C-alpha atoms as a PDB file:
ATOM      1  CA  MET A   1     135.782 150.279  60.242  1.00  0.00           C
ATOM      2  CA  ALA A   2     136.997 149.601  56.894  1.00  0.00           C
ATOM      3  CA  ALA A   3     134.749 150.188  53.362  1.00  0.00           C
ATOM      4  CA  LEU A   4     133.883 147.532  50.996  1.00  0.00           C
ATOM      5  CA  SER A   5     136.268 146.930  48.160  1.00  0.00           C
ATOM      6  CA  PRO A   6     135.563 149.332  44.918  1.00  0.00           C
ATOM      7  CA  GLY A   7     132.906 147.917  42.732  1.00  0.00           C
ATOM      8  CA  VAL A   8     131.341 145.000  45.120  1.00  0.00           C
ATOM      9  CA  LEU A   9     128.017 146.964  45.965  1.00  0.00           C
ATOM     10  CA  GLY A  10     126.843 150.369  43.778  1.00  0.00           C
ATOM     11  CA  ALA A  11     125.420 153.393  44.956  1.00  0.00           C
ATOM     12  CA  LEU A  12     121.627 154.141  45.649  1.00  0.00           C
ATOM     13  CA  ASP A  13     119.844 156.011  43.459  1.00  0.00           C
ATOM     14  CA  PRO A  14     117.579 158.587  44.684  1.00  0.00           C
ATOM     15  CA  THR A  15     115.485 159.270  41.668  1.00  0.00           C
ATOM     16  CA  SER A  16     114.213 155.600  41.219  1.00  0.00           C
ATOM     17  CA  ASP A  17     110.897 155.383  42.866  1.00  0.00           C
ATOM     18  CA  ARG A  18     112.184 151.536  44.169  1.00  0.00           C
ATOM     19  CA  ALA A  19     112.227 151.545  47.838  1.00  0.00           C
ATOM     20  CA  VAL A  20     115.684 151.722  49.280  1.00  0.00           C
ATOM     21  CA  PHE A  21     115.716 148.373  51.168  1.00  0.00           C
ATOM     22  CA  ARG A  22     114.863 147.019  47.724  1.00  0.00           C
ATOM     23  CA  GLN A  23     117.662 148.507  46.094  1.00  0.00           C
ATOM     24  CA  ILE A  24     119.979 147.220  48.360  1.00  0.00           C
ATOM     25  CA  ALA A  25     118.812 144.028  48.093  1.00  0.00           C
ATOM     26  CA  ASP A  26     118.974 144.289  44.081  1.00  0.00           C
ATOM     27  CA  GLN A  27     122.343 144.935  44.537  1.00  0.00           C
ATOM     28  CA  ILE A  28     123.554 142.280  47.096  1.00  0.00           C
ATOM     29  CA  ARG A  29     121.669 139.667  44.497  1.00  0.00           C
ATOM     30  CA  GLU A  30     123.380 140.950  41.686  1.00  0.00           C
ATOM     31  CA  ALA A  31     126.726 140.643  43.729  1.00  0.00           C
ATOM     32  CA  ILE A  32     125.824 137.293  44.303  1.00  0.00           C
ATOM     33  CA  ASP A  33     124.757 136.083  40.735  1.00  0.00           C
ATOM     34  CA  LYS A  34     128.312 138.022  39.168  1.00  0.00           C
ATOM     35  CA  GLY A  35     130.403 135.621  42.033  1.00  0.00           C
ATOM     36  CA  ARG A  36     131.413 138.619  43.987  1.00  0.00           C
ATOM     37  CA  PHE A  37     130.055 136.991  47.211  1.00  0.00           C
ATOM     38  CA  THR A  38     130.929 133.168  46.817  1.00  0.00           C
ATOM     39  CA  GLU A  39     128.936 130.440  48.018  1.00  0.00           C
ATOM     40  CA  GLY A  40     129.705 129.877  51.781  1.00  0.00           C
ATOM     41  CA  ALA A  41     131.204 133.730  51.851  1.00  0.00           C
ATOM     42  CA  LYS A  42     129.763 136.168  54.492  1.00  0.00           C
ATOM     43  CA  LEU A  43     127.909 139.068  53.332  1.00  0.00           C
ATOM     44  CA  PRO A  44     128.972 142.255  54.693  1.00  0.00           C
ATOM     45  CA  SER A  45     127.830 143.025  58.125  1.00  0.00           C
ATOM     46  CA  GLU A  46     124.920 145.407  58.830  1.00  0.00           C
ATOM     47  CA  ALA A  47     127.258 148.205  60.734  1.00  0.00           C
ATOM     48  CA  GLU A  48     129.254 147.970  57.087  1.00  0.00           C
ATOM     49  CA  LEU A  49     126.218 148.481  54.887  1.00  0.00           C
ATOM     50  CA  VAL A  50     124.871 151.195  57.162  1.00  0.00           C
ATOM     51  CA  GLU A  51     127.679 152.874  56.758  1.00  0.00           C
ATOM     52  CA  HIS A  52     128.111 152.153  52.946  1.00  0.00           C
ATOM     53  CA  TYR A  53     124.976 153.226  51.664  1.00  0.00           C
ATOM     54  CA  GLY A  54     123.786 155.880  54.919  1.00  0.00           C
ATOM     55  CA  VAL A  55     120.817 153.878  55.619  1.00  0.00           C
ATOM     56  CA  SER A  56     119.613 153.442  59.041  1.00  0.00           C
ATOM     57  CA  ARG A  57     120.138 149.592  60.514  1.00  0.00           C
ATOM     58  CA  MET A  58     116.334 148.163  60.256  1.00  0.00           C
ATOM     59  CA  THR A  59     116.563 149.292  56.206  1.00  0.00           C
ATOM     60  CA  VAL A  60     119.313 146.905  56.110  1.00  0.00           C
ATOM     61  CA  ARG A  61     117.487 143.849  57.543  1.00  0.00           C
ATOM     62  CA  ASN A  62     114.747 144.855  55.645  1.00  0.00           C
ATOM     63  CA  SER A  63     117.225 144.338  52.571  1.00  0.00           C
ATOM     64  CA  LEU A  64     118.917 141.040  54.103  1.00  0.00           C
ATOM     65  CA  SER A  65     115.409 139.413  54.579  1.00  0.00           C
ATOM     66  CA  ILE A  66     114.576 139.521  51.243  1.00  0.00           C
ATOM     67  CA  LEU A  67     117.370 137.877  50.337  1.00  0.00           C
ATOM     68  CA  GLN A  68     116.577 135.498  53.145  1.00  0.00           C
ATOM     69  CA  THR A  69     113.240 134.799  51.546  1.00  0.00           C
ATOM     70  CA  GLU A  70     114.295 134.466  48.173  1.00  0.00           C
ATOM     71  CA  GLY A  71     116.656 131.337  49.285  1.00  0.00           C
ATOM     72  CA  LEU A  72     120.143 133.718  48.554  1.00  0.00           C
ATOM     73  CA  VAL A  73     121.310 133.503  51.997  1.00  0.00           C
ATOM     74  CA  VAL A  74     121.245 132.331  55.613  1.00  0.00           C
ATOM     75  CA  SER A  75     121.928 133.850  59.015  1.00  0.00           C
ATOM     76  CA  GLU A  76     123.922 132.102  61.400  1.00  0.00           C
ATOM     77  CA  HIS A  77     123.261 133.496  65.002  1.00  0.00           C
ATOM     78  CA  GLY A  78     126.514 135.098  65.832  1.00  0.00           C
ATOM     79  CA  LYS A  79     128.211 135.113  63.032  1.00  0.00           C
ATOM     80  CA  GLY A  80     126.241 136.648  60.318  1.00  0.00           C
ATOM     81  CA  VAL A  81     124.303 136.344  56.963  1.00  0.00           C
ATOM     82  CA  PHE A  82     126.124 133.800  54.395  1.00  0.00           C
ATOM     83  CA  VAL A  83     125.793 133.356  50.628  1.00  0.00           C
ATOM     84  CA  ARG A  84     123.744 129.447  50.533  1.00  0.00           C
ATOM     85  CA  PRO A  85     125.680 127.284  49.195  1.00  0.00           C
ATOM     86  CA  ARG A  86     124.733 125.916  45.707  1.00  0.00           C
ATOM     87  CA  PRO A  87     123.123 122.343  45.526  1.00  0.00           C
ATOM     88  CA  PRO A  88     125.989 119.709  46.389  1.00  0.00           C
ATOM     89  CA  VAL A  89     123.725 116.323  44.877  1.00  0.00           C
ATOM     90  CA  ARG A  90     122.827 116.379  40.739  1.00  0.00           C
ATOM     91  CA  ARG A  91     120.190 113.909  40.718  1.00  0.00           C
ATOM     92  CA  LEU A  92     120.330 112.337  37.689  1.00  0.00           C
ATOM     93  CA  ALA A  93     116.749 110.491  37.432  1.00  0.00           C
ATOM     94  CA  SER A  94     117.505 108.326  34.239  1.00  0.00           C
ATOM     95  CA  ASP A  95     120.665 106.744  35.778  1.00  0.00           C
ATOM     96  CA  ARG A  96     119.904 106.530  39.625  1.00  0.00           C
ATOM     97  CA  PHE A  97     118.211 103.373  39.408  1.00  0.00           C
ATOM     98  CA  ALA A  98     120.098 101.629  37.018  1.00  0.00           C
ATOM     99  CA  ARG A  99     120.468  97.943  37.800  1.00  0.00           C
ATOM    100  CA  ARG A 100     123.817  98.027  37.661  1.00  0.00           C
ATOM    101  CA  HIS A 101     123.803  99.866  40.727  1.00  0.00           C
ATOM    102  CA  ARG A 102     121.956  97.396  42.976  1.00  0.00           C
ATOM    103  CA  GLU A 103     123.689  94.466  41.530  1.00  0.00           C
ATOM    104  CA  GLN A 104     126.813  96.349  43.307  1.00  0.00           C
ATOM    105  CA  GLY A 105     125.037  96.637  46.403  1.00  0.00           C
ATOM    106  CA  LYS A 106     124.015 100.146  46.409  1.00  0.00           C
ATOM    107  CA  SER A 107     121.220 102.377  46.568  1.00  0.00           C
ATOM    108  CA  ALA A 108     120.572 105.528  44.504  1.00  0.00           C
ATOM    109  CA  PHE A 109     121.043 107.430  47.619  1.00  0.00           C
ATOM    110  CA  LEU A 110     124.422 105.922  48.500  1.00  0.00           C
ATOM    111  CA  VAL A 111     125.450 106.590  44.884  1.00  0.00           C
ATOM    112  CA  GLU A 112     124.427 110.185  44.562  1.00  0.00           C
ATOM    113  CA  ALA A 113     126.121 110.549  47.689  1.00  0.00           C
ATOM    114  CA  GLU A 114     129.618 109.068  46.364  1.00  0.00           C
ATOM    115  CA  ALA A 115     129.625 111.005  43.036  1.00  0.00           C
ATOM    116  CA  ALA A 116     128.985 114.133  45.133  1.00  0.00           C
ATOM    117  CA  GLY A 117     131.783 113.189  47.272  1.00  0.00           C
ATOM    118  CA  SER A 118     129.528 113.162  50.356  1.00  0.00           C
ATOM    119  CA  LYS A 119     129.190 110.854  53.543  1.00  0.00           C
ATOM    120  CA  SER A 120     125.525 109.287  53.360  1.00  0.00           C
ATOM    121  CA  GLU A 121     123.366 108.286  56.259  1.00  0.00           C
ATOM    122  CA  VAL A 122     119.891 107.476  57.161  1.00  0.00           C
ATOM    123  CA  ASP A 123     118.192 107.704  60.267  1.00  0.00           C
ATOM    124  CA  SER A 124     114.604 107.973  62.068  1.00  0.00           C
ATOM    125  CA  LEU A 125     113.626 104.423  60.247  1.00  0.00           C
ATOM    126  CA  GLU A 126     110.273 103.514  60.955  1.00  0.00           C
ATOM    127  CA  VAL A 127     108.874 100.651  59.414  1.00  0.00           C
ATOM    128  CA  GLY A 128     105.354  98.994  60.149  1.00  0.00           C
ATOM    129  CA  GLU A 129     102.057  97.677  58.756  1.00  0.00           C
ATOM    130  CA  GLU A 130      99.696 100.168  57.962  1.00  0.00           C
ATOM    131  CA  ARG A 131      96.039 101.058  56.063  1.00  0.00           C
ATOM    132  CA  PRO A 132      96.933 103.338  53.063  1.00  0.00           C
ATOM    133  CA  SER A 133      95.865 106.954  52.253  1.00  0.00           C
ATOM    134  CA  GLN A 134      93.679 106.744  49.128  1.00  0.00           C
ATOM    135  CA  ASP A 135      96.000 107.830  46.659  1.00  0.00           C
ATOM    136  CA  ILE A 136      98.841 105.343  47.760  1.00  0.00           C
ATOM    137  CA  SER A 137      95.881 103.229  47.391  1.00  0.00           C
ATOM    138  CA  ALA A 138      95.005 103.718  44.453  1.00  0.00           C
ATOM    139  CA  ARG A 139      98.787 103.877  42.944  1.00  0.00           C
ATOM    140  CA  LEU A 140      99.273 100.205  43.818  1.00  0.00           C
ATOM    141  CA  GLY A 141      96.119  98.493  43.044  1.00  0.00           C
ATOM    142  CA  SER A 142      93.750  98.925  46.128  1.00  0.00           C
ATOM    143  CA  PRO A 143      95.625  97.090  48.936  1.00  0.00           C
ATOM    144  CA  ARG A 144      93.776  96.875  51.944  1.00  0.00           C
ATOM    145  CA  ARG A 145      97.205  97.274  54.056  1.00  0.00           C
ATOM    146  CA  VAL A 146     100.817  98.203  53.063  1.00  0.00           C
ATOM    147  CA  LEU A 147     103.862  98.297  54.848  1.00  0.00           C
ATOM    148  CA  ALA A 148     105.813 101.609  55.015  1.00  0.00           C
ATOM    149  CA  ARG A 149     108.878 102.116  55.063  1.00  0.00           C
ATOM    150  CA  ARG A 150     109.990 105.531  56.695  1.00  0.00           C
ATOM    151  CA  ARG A 151     113.173 107.491  57.048  1.00  0.00           C
ATOM    152  CA  ARG A 152     115.480 110.191  56.569  1.00  0.00           C
ATOM    153  CA  TYR A 153     118.506 110.814  54.496  1.00  0.00           C
ATOM    154  CA  LEU A 154     121.367 113.254  55.661  1.00  0.00           C
ATOM    155  CA  LEU A 155     124.884 114.447  53.759  1.00  0.00           C
ATOM    156  CA  ASP A 156     127.782 114.335  55.572  1.00  0.00           C
ATOM    157  CA  GLY A 157     125.434 115.421  58.888  1.00  0.00           C
ATOM    158  CA  ARG A 158     122.809 117.368  57.340  1.00  0.00           C
ATOM    159  CA  PRO A 159     119.019 116.225  56.587  1.00  0.00           C
ATOM    160  CA  VAL A 160     118.019 116.625  52.998  1.00  0.00           C
ATOM    161  CA  GLU A 161     115.447 114.403  52.235  1.00  0.00           C
ATOM    162  CA  PHE A 162     112.576 112.298  54.243  1.00  0.00           C
ATOM    163  CA  ALA A 163     110.922 109.363  52.263  1.00  0.00           C
ATOM    164  CA  THR A 164     108.090 107.113  52.369  1.00  0.00           C
ATOM    165  CA  SER A 165     107.886 103.729  50.540  1.00  0.00           C
ATOM    166  CA  TYR A 166     104.848 102.178  50.278  1.00  0.00           C
ATOM    167  CA  LEU A 167     104.605  97.632  49.378  1.00  0.00           C
ATOM    168  CA  PRO A 168     101.790  96.037  48.944  1.00  0.00           C
ATOM    169  CA  LEU A 169     101.337  93.440  51.741  1.00  0.00           C
ATOM    170  CA  ASP A 170     101.779  90.395  50.288  1.00  0.00           C
ATOM    171  CA  LEU A 171     104.743  91.754  48.627  1.00  0.00           C
ATOM    172  CA  ALA A 172     106.501  92.715  51.601  1.00  0.00           C
ATOM    173  CA  ARG A 173     105.481  90.448  54.657  1.00  0.00           C
ATOM    174  CA  ASN A 174     107.635  88.456  55.843  1.00  0.00           C
ATOM    175  CA  THR A 175     110.977  89.406  54.005  1.00  0.00           C
ATOM    176  CA  PRO A 176     113.600  91.342  54.435  1.00  0.00           C
ATOM    177  CA  ILE A 177     111.786  94.223  52.994  1.00  0.00           C
ATOM    178  CA  ALA A 178     110.379  94.357  56.188  1.00  0.00           C
ATOM    179  CA  GLN A 179     113.369  94.637  58.026  1.00  0.00           C
ATOM    180  CA  PRO A 180     114.806  98.005  59.079  1.00  0.00           C
ATOM    181  CA  ASN A 181     118.072  97.042  56.878  1.00  0.00           C
ATOM    182  CA  PRO A 182     116.978  95.482  53.964  1.00  0.00           C
ATOM    183  CA  GLY A 183     120.095  94.539  52.628  1.00  0.00           C
ATOM    184  CA  PRO A 184     122.586  95.243  49.933  1.00  0.00           C
ATOM    185  CA  GLY A 185     121.002  97.718  47.220  1.00  0.00           C
ATOM    186  CA  GLY A 186     117.797  98.046  49.300  1.00  0.00           C
ATOM    187  CA  ILE A 187     114.311  97.375  48.346  1.00  0.00           C
ATOM    188  CA  TYR A 188     114.544  97.409  44.877  1.00  0.00           C
ATOM    189  CA  ALA A 189     117.042  94.375  45.141  1.00  0.00           C
ATOM    190  CA  ARG A 190     115.017  92.187  47.301  1.00  0.00           C
ATOM    191  CA  LEU A 191     112.356  92.831  44.838  1.00  0.00           C
ATOM    192  CA  GLU A 192     113.730  91.614  41.902  1.00  0.00           C
ATOM    193  CA  GLU A 193     115.193  88.904  43.949  1.00  0.00           C
ATOM    194  CA  LEU A 194     111.471  88.167  45.093  1.00  0.00           C
ATOM    195  CA  GLY A 195     110.959  87.955  41.169  1.00  0.00           C
ATOM    196  CA  HIS A 196     109.558  91.360  40.430  1.00  0.00           C
ATOM    197  CA  ARG A 197     112.362  92.253  38.121  1.00  0.00           C
ATOM    198  CA  LEU A 198     111.766  96.282  37.807  1.00  0.00           C
ATOM    199  CA  ASP A 199     110.628  97.520  34.326  1.00  0.00           C
ATOM    200  CA  HIS A 200     110.060 101.352  34.670  1.00  0.00           C
ATOM    201  CA  PHE A 201     109.434 103.842  37.612  1.00  0.00           C
ATOM    202  CA  ASP A 202     106.984 107.062  36.963  1.00  0.00           C
ATOM    203  CA  GLU A 203     107.825 109.913  38.902  1.00  0.00           C
ATOM    204  CA  GLU A 204     105.515 113.179  39.756  1.00  0.00           C
ATOM    205  CA  ILE A 205     107.461 116.080  40.743  1.00  0.00           C
ATOM    206  CA  LYS A 206     106.257 119.950  42.438  1.00  0.00           C
ATOM    207  CA  ALA A 207     107.972 122.467  44.517  1.00  0.00           C
ATOM    208  CA  ARG A 208     106.437 123.965  46.935  1.00  0.00           C
ATOM    209  CA  MET A 209     107.161 125.876  50.488  1.00  0.00           C
ATOM    210  CA  PRO A 210     107.215 123.176  53.317  1.00  0.00           C
ATOM    211  CA  THR A 211     104.768 122.418  56.366  1.00  0.00           C
ATOM    212  CA  PRO A 212     106.402 123.115  59.881  1.00  0.00           C
ATOM    213  CA  GLN A 213     107.254 119.398  60.276  1.00  0.00           C
ATOM    214  CA  GLU A 214     108.942 119.588  57.591  1.00  0.00           C
ATOM    215  CA  VAL A 215     110.996 122.333  58.583  1.00  0.00           C
ATOM    216  CA  ARG A 216     111.960 120.566  61.750  1.00  0.00           C
ATOM    217  CA  THR A 217     112.751 117.505  60.182  1.00  0.00           C
ATOM    218  CA  LEU A 218     114.705 118.879  57.315  1.00  0.00           C
ATOM    219  CA  ARG A 219     115.840 121.825  59.534  1.00  0.00           C
ATOM    220  CA  LEU A 220     115.465 124.372  56.877  1.00  0.00           C
ATOM    221  CA  SER A 221     116.296 127.821  56.453  1.00  0.00           C
ATOM    222  CA  SER A 222     113.903 130.352  56.227  1.00  0.00           C
ATOM    223  CA  GLY A 223     112.695 130.748  52.382  1.00  0.00           C
ATOM    224  CA  VAL A 224     113.791 127.658  51.552  1.00  0.00           C
ATOM    225  CA  PRO A 225     111.233 125.388  49.431  1.00  0.00           C
ATOM    226  CA  VAL A 226     111.172 121.755  49.228  1.00  0.00           C
ATOM    227  CA  ILE A 227     110.780 119.542  46.135  1.00  0.00           C
ATOM    228  CA  HIS A 228     107.715 116.594  46.741  1.00  0.00           C
ATOM    229  CA  LEU A 229     108.514 113.749  44.273  1.00  0.00           C
ATOM    230  CA  VAL A 230     106.027 110.247  44.345  1.00  0.00           C
ATOM    231  CA  ARG A 231     107.079 107.882  42.310  1.00  0.00           C
ATOM    232  CA  THR A 232     105.685 104.736  41.272  1.00  0.00           C
ATOM    233  CA  ALA A 233     107.638 101.369  40.728  1.00  0.00           C
ATOM    234  CA  TYR A 234     106.461  99.170  38.206  1.00  0.00           C
ATOM    235  CA  ASP A 235     108.109  95.410  37.524  1.00  0.00           C
ATOM    236  CA  THR A 236     107.687  93.722  33.884  1.00  0.00           C
ATOM    237  CA  GLU A 237     104.361  92.361  34.323  1.00  0.00           C
ATOM    238  CA  GLY A 238     103.151  95.894  34.549  1.00  0.00           C
ATOM    239  CA  ARG A 239     102.301  95.345  38.741  1.00  0.00           C
ATOM    240  CA  ALA A 240     103.253  98.578  40.734  1.00  0.00           C
ATOM    241  CA  VAL A 241     105.440  97.241  43.830  1.00  0.00           C
ATOM    242  CA  GLU A 242     106.191 100.442  45.468  1.00  0.00           C
ATOM    243  CA  VAL A 243     105.394 104.270  45.373  1.00  0.00           C
ATOM    244  CA  CYS A 244     107.661 106.086  47.311  1.00  0.00           C
ATOM    245  CA  ASP A 245     106.623 109.219  48.852  1.00  0.00           C
ATOM    246  CA  THR A 246     109.642 112.105  48.926  1.00  0.00           C
ATOM    247  CA  VAL A 247     110.400 115.032  50.439  1.00  0.00           C
ATOM    248  CA  MET A 248     113.321 117.135  49.439  1.00  0.00           C
ATOM    249  CA  ALA A 249     115.307 119.888  50.706  1.00  0.00           C
ATOM    250  CA  ALA A 250     115.504 122.003  47.410  1.00  0.00           C
ATOM    251  CA  ASP A 251     118.884 123.773  48.454  1.00  0.00           C
ATOM    252  CA  ALA A 252     120.364 119.909  48.611  1.00  0.00           C
ATOM    253  CA  TYR A 253     119.581 119.108  44.430  1.00  0.00           C
ATOM    254  CA  VAL A 254     120.014 119.776  41.081  1.00  0.00           C
ATOM    255  CA  LEU A 255     117.453 117.639  39.023  1.00  0.00           C
ATOM    256  CA  ALA A 256     118.900 116.516  36.352  1.00  0.00           C
ATOM    257  CA  TYR A 257     117.150 114.042  33.070  1.00  0.00           C
ATOM    258  CA  ARG A 258     118.407 112.357  30.334  1.00  0.00           C
ATOM    259  CA  LEU A 259     115.584 112.614  26.953  1.00  0.00           C
ATOM    260  CA  PRO A 260     115.983 110.377  24.352  1.00  0.00           C
ATOM    261  CA  ALA A 261     115.698 112.182  20.709  1.00  0.00           C
ATOM    262  CA  THR A 262     113.906 110.192  19.377  1.00  0.00           C
END
């Protein structure tokens, strides 16, 4: 078995009171941070790490488990453990809903996918009328019924986001918004065609660990958190015309903001 390249991983400190498996995790983490193991690179095998450090296979597995929980690496059955790729999509909040994109017939997700050089897809689409939750109702001005649009977004075949848009029924019923495909530019373009020119969006963002259903829907690996974003769209009259509840895989996005200096 070939030895690891010199300088990639160090040696254990027998005088340290830090557990051996944590020392190993620390060294692999440092190697990833410093670029010795690049994105998508395969880590040394368990057998190679056992030989390098002179420890048991269980100790090595405990070390790798720490890195998986942190979201730094991903295990592929029968292939090995790999450094997780960095987020491919840069989500610039101040630009993604620019009117020029809608006028070009592009949705925000399509614009971001094109910027990342990725192929965008939408599946698991469901459209229907329902009674809103108390939170959604309060955000929309207390309508009794809403139109809900649920869909999953994919980049290059990988699920990265699941979103549900809620719109007051008096705005959306019997319009293209109620169709599975609302047309070029998405529902925001249709809202503006209906006379609801968009003025601004409010977004609330938090990070958390996913629910079991979200793990299945987004095919999340162990240790990967989600970004939970709730966005409310307002027209120029100050009316809330849509609430979008979105859950995103945290390893798929970089959230970027451009803020005024005034």
